[in-house]
All heavy atoms as atom14 arrays in JSON, in Angstrom:
{
  "sequence": "GIYTMGWYRQAPGKQRELVATIGSGGNTNYAESMKERFTISRDNFKNT",
  "atom14_mask": [
    [1, 1, 1, 1, 0, 0, 0, 0, 0, 0, 0, 0, 0, 0],
    [1, 1, 1, 1, 1, 1, 1, 1, 0, 0, 0, 0, 0, 0],
    [1, 1, 1, 1, 1, 1, 1, 1, 1, 1, 1, 1, 0, 0],
    [1, 1, 1, 1, 1, 1, 1, 0, 0, 0, 0, 0, 0, 0],
    [1, 1, 1, 1, 1, 1, 1, 1, 0, 0, 0, 0, 0, 0],
    [1, 1, 1, 1, 0, 0, 0, 0, 0, 0, 0, 0, 0, 0],
    [1, 1, 1, 1, 1, 1, 1, 1, 1, 1, 1, 1, 1, 1],
    [1, 1, 1, 1, 1, 1, 1, 1, 1, 1, 1, 1, 0, 0],
    [1, 1, 1, 1, 1, 1, 1, 1, 1, 1, 1, 0, 0, 0],
    [1, 1, 1, 1, 1, 1, 1, 1, 1, 0, 0, 0, 0, 0],
    [1, 1, 1, 1, 1, 0, 0, 0, 0, 0, 0, 0, 0, 0],
    [1, 1, 1, 1, 1, 1, 1, 0, 0, 0, 0, 0, 0, 0],
    [1, 1, 1, 1, 0, 0, 0, 0, 0, 0, 0, 0, 0, 0],
    [1, 1, 1, 1, 1, 1, 1, 1, 1, 0, 0, 0, 0, 0],
    [1, 1, 1, 1, 1, 1, 1, 1, 1, 0, 0, 0, 0, 0],
    [1, 1, 1, 1, 1, 1, 1, 1, 1, 1, 1, 0, 0, 0],
    [1, 1, 1, 1, 1, 1, 1, 1, 1, 0, 0, 0, 0, 0],
    [1, 1, 1, 1, 1, 1, 1, 1, 0, 0, 0, 0, 0, 0],
    [1, 1, 1, 1, 1, 1, 1, 0, 0, 0, 0, 0, 0, 0],
    [1, 1, 1, 1, 1, 0, 0, 0, 0, 0, 0, 0, 0, 0],
    [1, 1, 1, 1, 1, 1, 1, 0, 0, 0, 0, 0, 0, 0],
    [1, 1, 1, 1, 1, 1, 1, 1, 0, 0, 0, 0, 0, 0],
    [1, 1, 1, 1, 0, 0, 0, 0, 0, 0, 0, 0, 0, 0],
    [1, 1, 1, 1, 1, 1, 0, 0, 0, 0, 0, 0, 0, 0],
    [1, 1, 1, 1, 0, 0, 0, 0, 0, 0, 0, 0, 0, 0],
    [1, 1, 1, 1, 0, 0, 0, 0, 0, 0, 0, 0, 0, 0],
    [1, 1, 1, 1, 1, 1, 1, 1, 0, 0, 0, 0, 0, 0],
    [1, 1, 1, 1, 1, 1, 1, 0, 0, 0, 0, 0, 0, 0],
    [1, 1, 1, 1, 1, 1, 1, 1, 0, 0, 0, 0, 0, 0],
    [1, 1, 1, 1, 1, 1, 1, 1, 1, 1, 1, 1, 0, 0],
    [1, 1, 1, 1, 1, 0, 0, 0, 0, 0, 0, 0, 0, 0],
    [1, 1, 1, 1, 1, 1, 1, 1, 1, 0, 0, 0, 0, 0],
    [1, 1, 1, 1, 1, 1, 0, 0, 0, 0, 0, 0, 0, 0],
    [1, 1, 1, 1, 1, 1, 1, 1, 0, 0, 0, 0, 0, 0],
    [1, 1, 1, 1, 1, 1, 1, 1, 1, 0, 0, 0, 0, 0],
    [1, 1, 1, 1, 1, 1, 1, 1, 1, 0, 0, 0, 0, 0],
    [1, 1, 1, 1, 1, 1, 1, 1, 1, 1, 1, 0, 0, 0],
    [1, 1, 1, 1, 1, 1, 1, 1, 1, 1, 1, 0, 0, 0],
    [1, 1, 1, 1, 1, 1, 1, 0, 0, 0, 0, 0, 0, 0],
    [1, 1, 1, 1, 1, 1, 1, 1, 0, 0, 0, 0, 0, 0],
    [1, 1, 1, 1, 1, 1, 0, 0, 0, 0, 0, 0, 0, 0],
    [1, 1, 1, 1, 1, 1, 1, 1, 1, 1, 1, 0, 0, 0],
    [1, 1, 1, 1, 1, 1, 1, 1, 0, 0, 0, 0, 0, 0],
    [1, 1, 1, 1, 1, 1, 1, 1, 0, 0, 0, 0, 0, 0],
    [1, 1, 1, 1, 1, 1, 1, 1, 1, 1, 1, 0, 0, 0],
    [1, 1, 1, 1, 1, 1, 1, 1, 1, 0, 0, 0, 0, 0],
    [1, 1, 1, 1, 1, 1, 1, 1, 0, 0, 0, 0, 0, 0],
    [1, 1, 1, 1, 1, 1, 1, 0, 0, 0, 0, 0, 0, 0]
  ],
  "atom14_positions": [
    [[70.08, -119.32, 9.41], [70.69, -120.29, 10.3], [69.88, -121.53, 10.58], [70.43, -122.54, 11.01], [0.0, 0.0, 0.0], [0.0, 0.0, 0.0], [0.0, 0.0, 0.0], [0.0, 0.0, 0.0], [0.0, 0.0, 0.0], [0.0, 0.0, 0.0], [0.0, 0.0, 0.0], [0.0, 0.0, 0.0], [0.0, 0.0, 0.0], [0.0, 0.0, 0.0]],
    [[68.58, -121.5, 10.35], [67.76, -122.65, 10.69], [67.63, -123.64, 9.53], [67.01, -124.68, 9.68], [66.35, -122.22, 11.15], [65.53, -121.65, 9.99], [66.45, -121.22, 12.29], [64.09, -121.38, 10.36], [0.0, 0.0, 0.0], [0.0, 0.0, 0.0], [0.0, 0.0, 0.0], [0.0, 0.0, 0.0], [0.0, 0.0, 0.0], [0.0, 0.0, 0.0]],
    [[68.22, -123.32, 8.4], [68.06, -124.16, 7.22], [69.32, -124.92, 6.85], [70.43, -124.39, 6.94], [67.63, -123.32, 6.01], [66.26, -122.71, 6.2], [66.11, -121.36, 6.5], [65.12, -123.49, 6.11], [64.87, -120.8, 6.7], [63.87, -122.95, 6.3], [63.74, -121.6, 6.61], [62.5, -121.06, 6.81], [0.0, 0.0, 0.0], [0.0, 0.0, 0.0]],
    [[69.1, -126.13, 6.41], [70.17, -126.89, 5.78], [70.56, -126.19, 4.48], [69.72, -125.65, 3.78], [69.7, -128.33, 5.47], [69.5, -129.01, 6.71], [70.72, -129.07, 4.63], [0.0, 0.0, 0.0], [0.0, 0.0, 0.0], [0.0, 0.0, 0.0], [0.0, 0.0, 0.0], [0.0, 0.0, 0.0], [0.0, 0.0, 0.0], [0.0, 0.0, 0.0]],
    [[71.85, -126.2, 4.19], [72.36, -125.64, 2.94], [73.18, -126.7, 2.23], [73.74, -127.6, 2.85], [73.24, -124.42, 3.22], [72.52, -123.25, 3.83], [71.29, -122.55, 2.72], [72.33, -121.97, 1.37], [0.0, 0.0, 0.0], [0.0, 0.0, 0.0], [0.0, 0.0, 0.0], [0.0, 0.0, 0.0], [0.0, 0.0, 0.0], [0.0, 0.0, 0.0]],
    [[73.25, -126.54, 0.92], [74.0, -127.53, 0.16], [74.79, -126.92, -0.97], [74.49, -125.81, -1.43], [0.0, 0.0, 0.0], [0.0, 0.0, 0.0], [0.0, 0.0, 0.0], [0.0, 0.0, 0.0], [0.0, 0.0, 0.0], [0.0, 0.0, 0.0], [0.0, 0.0, 0.0], [0.0, 0.0, 0.0], [0.0, 0.0, 0.0], [0.0, 0.0, 0.0]],
    [[75.82, -127.64, -1.36], [76.58, -127.33, -2.58], [76.41, -128.48, -3.55], [76.5, -129.66, -3.17], [78.07, -127.16, -2.28], [78.44, -125.87, -1.63], [78.66, -125.64, -0.3], [78.64, -124.61, -2.28], [78.98, -124.33, -0.09], [78.98, -123.67, -1.3], [78.58, -124.17, -3.61], [79.26, -122.33, -1.59], [78.84, -122.85, -3.91], [79.18, -121.94, -2.89]],
    [[76.15, -128.14, -4.8], [76.05, -129.1, -5.88], [77.0, -128.63, -6.98], [77.43, -127.49, -6.99], [74.62, -129.16, -6.43], [73.64, -129.84, -5.51], [73.2, -129.23, -4.34], [73.15, -131.11, -5.81], [72.32, -129.86, -3.49], [72.25, -131.75, -4.97], [71.84, -131.12, -3.82], [70.96, -131.75, -2.98], [0.0, 0.0, 0.0], [0.0, 0.0, 0.0]],
    [[77.25, -129.53, -7.92], [78.06, -129.14, -9.07], [77.55, -129.83, -10.32], [76.94, -130.9, -10.26], [79.54, -129.46, -8.83], [79.88, -130.93, -8.87], [81.36, -131.14, -8.56], [81.76, -132.53, -8.72], [82.96, -132.99, -8.43], [83.91, -132.16, -7.95], [83.26, -134.26, -8.6], [0.0, 0.0, 0.0], [0.0, 0.0, 0.0], [0.0, 0.0, 0.0]],
    [[77.84, -129.19, -11.45], [77.44, -129.77, -12.73], [78.58, -129.58, -13.72], [78.94, -128.44, -14.07], [76.16, -129.12, -13.27], [75.62, -129.8, -14.5], [74.19, -129.39, -14.81], [73.7, -128.37, -14.33], [73.5, -130.21, -15.59], [0.0, 0.0, 0.0], [0.0, 0.0, 0.0], [0.0, 0.0, 0.0], [0.0, 0.0, 0.0], [0.0, 0.0, 0.0]],
    [[79.12, -130.69, -14.14], [80.19, -130.68, -15.14], [79.57, -130.72, -16.53], [78.43, -131.17, -16.7], [81.11, -131.88, -14.93], [0.0, 0.0, 0.0], [0.0, 0.0, 0.0], [0.0, 0.0, 0.0], [0.0, 0.0, 0.0], [0.0, 0.0, 0.0], [0.0, 0.0, 0.0], [0.0, 0.0, 0.0], [0.0, 0.0, 0.0], [0.0, 0.0, 0.0]],
    [[80.3, -130.27, -17.55], [79.76, -130.28, -18.92], [79.31, -131.67, -19.32], [80.04, -132.65, -19.18], [80.96, -129.81, -19.75], [81.78, -129.02, -18.82], [81.64, -129.68, -17.48], [0.0, 0.0, 0.0], [0.0, 0.0, 0.0], [0.0, 0.0, 0.0], [0.0, 0.0, 0.0], [0.0, 0.0, 0.0], [0.0, 0.0, 0.0], [0.0, 0.0, 0.0]],
    [[78.07, -131.75, -19.81], [77.54, -133.01, -20.3], [77.11, -133.98, -19.22], [76.75, -135.12, -19.53], [0.0, 0.0, 0.0], [0.0, 0.0, 0.0], [0.0, 0.0, 0.0], [0.0, 0.0, 0.0], [0.0, 0.0, 0.0], [0.0, 0.0, 0.0], [0.0, 0.0, 0.0], [0.0, 0.0, 0.0], [0.0, 0.0, 0.0], [0.0, 0.0, 0.0]],
    [[77.14, -133.55, -17.97], [76.78, -134.43, -16.87], [75.63, -133.85, -16.06], [75.33, -132.66, -16.13], [77.98, -134.68, -15.96], [79.11, -135.44, -16.63], [80.19, -135.8, -15.63], [81.28, -136.63, -16.28], [82.32, -137.04, -15.3], [0.0, 0.0, 0.0], [0.0, 0.0, 0.0], [0.0, 0.0, 0.0], [0.0, 0.0, 0.0], [0.0, 0.0, 0.0]],
    [[75.01, -134.72, -15.27], [73.92, -134.26, -14.41], [74.48, -133.52, -13.19], [75.62, -133.76, -12.77], [73.08, -135.45, -13.95], [72.26, -136.09, -15.05], [71.29, -137.13, -14.51], [71.53, -137.75, -13.48], [70.19, -137.33, -15.21], [0.0, 0.0, 0.0], [0.0, 0.0, 0.0], [0.0, 0.0, 0.0], [0.0, 0.0, 0.0], [0.0, 0.0, 0.0]],
    [[73.66, -132.67, -12.64], [74.04, -131.97, -11.41], [74.14, -133.01, -10.28], [73.28, -133.87, -10.15], [73.01, -130.9, -11.07], [73.45, -129.91, -10.02], [72.49, -128.75, -9.93], [72.46, -127.96, -11.15], [71.83, -126.79, -11.27], [71.19, -126.27, -10.23], [71.84, -126.15, -12.42], [0.0, 0.0, 0.0], [0.0, 0.0, 0.0], [0.0, 0.0, 0.0]],
    [[75.2, -132.89, -9.48], [75.41, -133.86, -8.41], [75.67, -133.16, -7.09], [76.19, -132.04, -7.04], [76.59, -134.79, -8.74], [77.93, -134.09, -8.87], [79.08, -135.07, -9.06], [78.91, -136.28, -8.85], [80.19, -134.59, -9.41], [0.0, 0.0, 0.0], [0.0, 0.0, 0.0], [0.0, 0.0, 0.0], [0.0, 0.0, 0.0], [0.0, 0.0, 0.0]],
    [[75.32, -133.86, -6.02], [75.54, -133.34, -4.68], [77.03, -133.33, -4.36], [77.74, -134.29, -4.64], [74.82, -134.21, -3.65], [75.09, -133.91, -2.19], [74.47, -132.58, -1.79], [74.59, -135.03, -1.3], [0.0, 0.0, 0.0], [0.0, 0.0, 0.0], [0.0, 0.0, 0.0], [0.0, 0.0, 0.0], [0.0, 0.0, 0.0], [0.0, 0.0, 0.0]],
    [[77.47, -132.23, -3.75], [78.84, -132.16, -3.24], [78.83, -132.35, -1.73], [79.49, -133.23, -1.19], [79.49, -130.82, -3.61], [80.88, -130.7, -2.97], [79.58, -130.65, -5.13], [0.0, 0.0, 0.0], [0.0, 0.0, 0.0], [0.0, 0.0, 0.0], [0.0, 0.0, 0.0], [0.0, 0.0, 0.0], [0.0, 0.0, 0.0], [0.0, 0.0, 0.0]],
    [[78.03, -131.51, -1.05], [78.0, -131.57, 0.4], [76.79, -130.8, 0.92], [76.27, -129.92, 0.24], [79.27, -130.97, 1.01], [0.0, 0.0, 0.0], [0.0, 0.0, 0.0], [0.0, 0.0, 0.0], [0.0, 0.0, 0.0], [0.0, 0.0, 0.0], [0.0, 0.0, 0.0], [0.0, 0.0, 0.0], [0.0, 0.0, 0.0], [0.0, 0.0, 0.0]],
    [[76.35, -131.17, 2.12], [75.31, -130.41, 2.81], [75.74, -130.14, 4.24], [76.58, -130.87, 4.8], [73.97, -131.16, 2.83], [74.14, -132.38, 3.55], [73.47, -131.46, 1.42], [0.0, 0.0, 0.0], [0.0, 0.0, 0.0], [0.0, 0.0, 0.0], [0.0, 0.0, 0.0], [0.0, 0.0, 0.0], [0.0, 0.0, 0.0], [0.0, 0.0, 0.0]],
    [[75.14, -129.11, 4.81], [75.39, -128.79, 6.22], [74.09, -128.39, 6.87], [73.35, -127.55, 6.34], [76.48, -127.7, 6.37], [76.79, -127.46, 7.85], [76.09, -126.41, 5.66], [78.08, -126.67, 8.07], [0.0, 0.0, 0.0], [0.0, 0.0, 0.0], [0.0, 0.0, 0.0], [0.0, 0.0, 0.0], [0.0, 0.0, 0.0], [0.0, 0.0, 0.0]],
    [[73.77, -129.03, 7.99], [72.54, -128.75, 8.68], [72.63, -127.52, 9.56], [73.69, -126.91, 9.72], [0.0, 0.0, 0.0], [0.0, 0.0, 0.0], [0.0, 0.0, 0.0], [0.0, 0.0, 0.0], [0.0, 0.0, 0.0], [0.0, 0.0, 0.0], [0.0, 0.0, 0.0], [0.0, 0.0, 0.0], [0.0, 0.0, 0.0], [0.0, 0.0, 0.0]],
    [[71.5, -127.17, 10.15], [71.46, -125.99, 11.0], [72.36, -126.15, 12.23], [72.9, -125.18, 12.74], [70.02, -125.72, 11.44], [69.5, -126.84, 12.13], [0.0, 0.0, 0.0], [0.0, 0.0, 0.0], [0.0, 0.0, 0.0], [0.0, 0.0, 0.0], [0.0, 0.0, 0.0], [0.0, 0.0, 0.0], [0.0, 0.0, 0.0], [0.0, 0.0, 0.0]],
    [[72.56, -127.39, 12.65], [73.42, -127.65, 13.8], [74.86, -127.9, 13.45], [75.68, -128.21, 14.33], [0.0, 0.0, 0.0], [0.0, 0.0, 0.0], [0.0, 0.0, 0.0], [0.0, 0.0, 0.0], [0.0, 0.0, 0.0], [0.0, 0.0, 0.0], [0.0, 0.0, 0.0], [0.0, 0.0, 0.0], [0.0, 0.0, 0.0], [0.0, 0.0, 0.0]],
    [[75.16, -127.79, 12.16], [76.54, -127.98, 11.71], [76.87, -129.39, 11.27], [78.01, -129.66, 10.9], [0.0, 0.0, 0.0], [0.0, 0.0, 0.0], [0.0, 0.0, 0.0], [0.0, 0.0, 0.0], [0.0, 0.0, 0.0], [0.0, 0.0, 0.0], [0.0, 0.0, 0.0], [0.0, 0.0, 0.0], [0.0, 0.0, 0.0], [0.0, 0.0, 0.0]],
    [[75.9, -130.28, 11.32], [76.17, -131.65, 10.84], [76.37, -131.62, 9.34], [75.67, -130.93, 8.61], [75.02, -132.57, 11.21], [73.67, -132.03, 10.81], [73.29, -130.94, 11.2], [72.96, -132.76, 9.99], [0.0, 0.0, 0.0], [0.0, 0.0, 0.0], [0.0, 0.0, 0.0], [0.0, 0.0, 0.0], [0.0, 0.0, 0.0], [0.0, 0.0, 0.0]],
    [[77.32, -132.4, 8.87], [77.7, -132.36, 7.46], [77.54, -133.71, 6.79], [77.57, -134.76, 7.43], [79.15, -131.89, 7.3], [80.02, -132.78, 8.04], [79.33, -130.47, 7.82], [0.0, 0.0, 0.0], [0.0, 0.0, 0.0], [0.0, 0.0, 0.0], [0.0, 0.0, 0.0], [0.0, 0.0, 0.0], [0.0, 0.0, 0.0], [0.0, 0.0, 0.0]],
    [[77.4, -133.63, 5.46], [77.29, -134.84, 4.65], [78.01, -134.56, 3.35], [77.88, -133.46, 2.79], [75.81, -135.15, 4.37], [75.64, -136.35, 3.49], [76.1, -137.44, 3.81], [74.98, -136.17, 2.36], [0.0, 0.0, 0.0], [0.0, 0.0, 0.0], [0.0, 0.0, 0.0], [0.0, 0.0, 0.0], [0.0, 0.0, 0.0], [0.0, 0.0, 0.0]],
    [[78.79, -135.53, 2.86], [79.59, -135.32, 1.65], [79.39, -136.45, 0.67], [79.16, -137.61, 1.05], [81.09, -135.29, 2.0], [81.5, -134.13, 2.86], [81.51, -134.24, 4.25], [81.89, -132.92, 2.3], [81.89, -133.19, 5.05], [82.29, -131.85, 3.09], [82.28, -131.99, 4.46], [82.66, -130.94, 5.25], [0.0, 0.0, 0.0], [0.0, 0.0, 0.0]],
    [[79.54, -136.11, -0.61], [79.67, -137.16, -1.61], [80.96, -137.89, -1.34], [81.98, -137.29, -0.97], [79.7, -136.54, -3.01], [0.0, 0.0, 0.0], [0.0, 0.0, 0.0], [0.0, 0.0, 0.0], [0.0, 0.0, 0.0], [0.0, 0.0, 0.0], [0.0, 0.0, 0.0], [0.0, 0.0, 0.0], [0.0, 0.0, 0.0], [0.0, 0.0, 0.0]],
    [[80.91, -139.2, -1.52], [82.04, -140.05, -1.13], [83.34, -139.63, -1.79], [84.4, -139.62, -1.15], [81.71, -141.5, -1.49], [82.68, -142.52, -0.92], [82.68, -142.55, 0.6], [81.62, -142.28, 1.2], [83.74, -142.85, 1.17], [0.0, 0.0, 0.0], [0.0, 0.0, 0.0], [0.0, 0.0, 0.0], [0.0, 0.0, 0.0], [0.0, 0.0, 0.0]],
    [[83.27, -139.23, -3.04], [84.5, -138.93, -3.78], [85.13, -137.59, -3.36], [86.24, -137.28, -3.77], [84.23, -138.9, -5.28], [83.3, -137.87, -5.59], [0.0, 0.0, 0.0], [0.0, 0.0, 0.0], [0.0, 0.0, 0.0], [0.0, 0.0, 0.0], [0.0, 0.0, 0.0], [0.0, 0.0, 0.0], [0.0, 0.0, 0.0], [0.0, 0.0, 0.0]],
    [[84.42, -136.83, -2.54], [84.9, -135.51, -2.18], [85.15, -135.33, -0.69], [85.71, -134.32, -0.28], [83.91, -134.45, -2.66], [83.77, -134.43, -4.18], [82.37, -133.46, -4.71], [81.41, -134.66, -5.61], [0.0, 0.0, 0.0], [0.0, 0.0, 0.0], [0.0, 0.0, 0.0], [0.0, 0.0, 0.0], [0.0, 0.0, 0.0], [0.0, 0.0, 0.0]],
    [[84.75, -136.31, 0.1], [84.76, -136.09, 1.55], [86.15, -135.9, 2.14], [86.3, -135.31, 3.21], [84.04, -137.24, 2.24], [84.7, -138.59, 2.08], [83.79, -139.71, 2.61], [83.41, -139.52, 4.03], [82.55, -140.62, 4.53], [0.0, 0.0, 0.0], [0.0, 0.0, 0.0], [0.0, 0.0, 0.0], [0.0, 0.0, 0.0], [0.0, 0.0, 0.0]],
    [[87.17, -136.4, 1.48], [88.53, -136.26, 2.01], [89.17, -134.95, 1.6], [90.2, -134.56, 2.17], [89.4, -137.42, 1.54], [88.91, -138.79, 1.98], [88.89, -138.95, 3.48], [89.79, -138.38, 4.16], [88.01, -139.65, 3.99], [0.0, 0.0, 0.0], [0.0, 0.0, 0.0], [0.0, 0.0, 0.0], [0.0, 0.0, 0.0], [0.0, 0.0, 0.0]],
    [[88.6, -134.27, 0.62], [89.24, -133.08, 0.07], [88.44, -131.79, 0.27], [89.01, -130.7, 0.23], [89.48, -133.28, -1.43], [90.35, -134.5, -1.75], [90.6, -134.62, -3.24], [89.37, -134.9, -3.98], [88.88, -134.13, -4.94], [89.52, -133.02, -5.29], [87.76, -134.45, -5.57], [0.0, 0.0, 0.0], [0.0, 0.0, 0.0], [0.0, 0.0, 0.0]],
    [[87.14, -131.92, 0.44], [86.27, -130.74, 0.54], [85.73, -130.6, 1.96], [85.47, -131.61, 2.63], [85.1, -130.86, -0.42], [85.46, -130.8, -1.89], [86.77, -130.75, -2.33], [84.45, -130.81, -2.85], [87.09, -130.69, -3.67], [84.75, -130.75, -4.2], [86.07, -130.69, -4.62], [0.0, 0.0, 0.0], [0.0, 0.0, 0.0], [0.0, 0.0, 0.0]],
    [[85.52, -129.36, 2.36], [84.94, -129.08, 3.67], [83.87, -128.01, 3.54], [84.14, -126.91, 3.03], [86.0, -128.6, 4.67], [87.04, -129.58, 4.78], [85.38, -128.37, 6.05], [0.0, 0.0, 0.0], [0.0, 0.0, 0.0], [0.0, 0.0, 0.0], [0.0, 0.0, 0.0], [0.0, 0.0, 0.0], [0.0, 0.0, 0.0], [0.0, 0.0, 0.0]],
    [[82.66, -128.34, 3.99], [81.58, -127.37, 4.0], [81.47, -126.78, 5.4], [81.64, -127.48, 6.4], [80.25, -128.01, 3.55], [79.16, -126.95, 3.34], [79.79, -129.1, 4.52], [77.88, -127.49, 2.69], [0.0, 0.0, 0.0], [0.0, 0.0, 0.0], [0.0, 0.0, 0.0], [0.0, 0.0, 0.0], [0.0, 0.0, 0.0], [0.0, 0.0, 0.0]],
    [[81.19, -125.48, 5.45], [81.03, -124.81, 6.74], [80.05, -123.67, 6.56], [79.68, -123.32, 5.43], [82.38, -124.3, 7.27], [82.95, -123.36, 6.38], [0.0, 0.0, 0.0], [0.0, 0.0, 0.0], [0.0, 0.0, 0.0], [0.0, 0.0, 0.0], [0.0, 0.0, 0.0], [0.0, 0.0, 0.0], [0.0, 0.0, 0.0], [0.0, 0.0, 0.0]],
    [[79.67, -123.07, 7.68], [78.71, -121.97, 7.59], [79.0, -120.95, 8.67], [79.52, -121.29, 9.74], [77.28, -122.47, 7.69], [76.89, -123.08, 9.02], [75.55, -123.81, 8.94], [74.48, -122.92, 8.54], [73.31, -123.34, 8.03], [73.09, -124.63, 7.87], [72.38, -122.46, 7.7], [0.0, 0.0, 0.0], [0.0, 0.0, 0.0], [0.0, 0.0, 0.0]],
    [[78.62, -119.69, 8.36], [78.68, -118.6, 9.33], [77.29, -117.99, 9.35], [76.92, -117.22, 8.44], [79.73, -117.58, 8.9], [79.91, -116.47, 9.94], [78.96, -116.21, 10.71], [80.98, -115.86, 9.95], [0.0, 0.0, 0.0], [0.0, 0.0, 0.0], [0.0, 0.0, 0.0], [0.0, 0.0, 0.0], [0.0, 0.0, 0.0], [0.0, 0.0, 0.0]],
    [[76.52, -118.33, 10.36], [75.13, -117.88, 10.4], [75.01, -116.38, 10.64], [73.98, -115.78, 10.29], [74.36, -118.66, 11.47], [74.2, -120.12, 11.1], [74.23, -120.48, 9.92], [74.03, -120.96, 12.1], [0.0, 0.0, 0.0], [0.0, 0.0, 0.0], [0.0, 0.0, 0.0], [0.0, 0.0, 0.0], [0.0, 0.0, 0.0], [0.0, 0.0, 0.0]],
    [[76.02, -115.77, 11.22], [75.98, -114.32, 11.41], [76.14, -113.58, 10.09], [75.68, -112.45, 9.94], [77.06, -113.88, 12.4], [76.8, -114.37, 13.79], [77.52, -115.43, 14.32], [75.84, -113.78, 14.58], [77.29, -115.89, 15.61], [75.59, -114.22, 15.87], [76.31, -115.28, 16.38], [0.0, 0.0, 0.0], [0.0, 0.0, 0.0], [0.0, 0.0, 0.0]],
    [[76.8, -114.22, 9.14], [77.0, -113.62, 7.83], [76.07, -114.21, 6.78], [76.19, -113.88, 5.59], [78.46, -113.82, 7.38], [79.47, -113.1, 8.25], [80.89, -113.31, 7.72], [81.89, -112.56, 8.57], [83.29, -112.76, 8.07], [0.0, 0.0, 0.0], [0.0, 0.0, 0.0], [0.0, 0.0, 0.0], [0.0, 0.0, 0.0], [0.0, 0.0, 0.0]],
    [[75.16, -115.1, 7.2], [74.24, -115.75, 6.25], [75.0, -116.39, 5.1], [74.55, -116.32, 3.94], [73.23, -114.73, 5.69], [72.27, -114.24, 6.74], [72.21, -114.75, 7.86], [71.5, -113.22, 6.39], [0.0, 0.0, 0.0], [0.0, 0.0, 0.0], [0.0, 0.0, 0.0], [0.0, 0.0, 0.0], [0.0, 0.0, 0.0], [0.0, 0.0, 0.0]],
    [[76.11, -117.01, 5.4], [77.0, -117.5, 4.35], [77.4, -118.95, 4.61], [77.67, -119.33, 5.75], [78.26, -116.62, 4.26], [77.86, -115.27, 3.95], [79.2, -117.11, 3.17], [0.0, 0.0, 0.0], [0.0, 0.0, 0.0], [0.0, 0.0, 0.0], [0.0, 0.0, 0.0], [0.0, 0.0, 0.0], [0.0, 0.0, 0.0], [0.0, 0.0, 0.0]]
  ]
}
């Protein structure tokens, strides 16, 4: 629960890119092209 977590993705033939991050306090950050469609969340009780 005290760590920022992130999702990245890598398409064939492309570099790995940031999708989204979420801080320990729940603050989120998204890649511009995904912010309207993707949602990052966390459940610290489930470490997920």
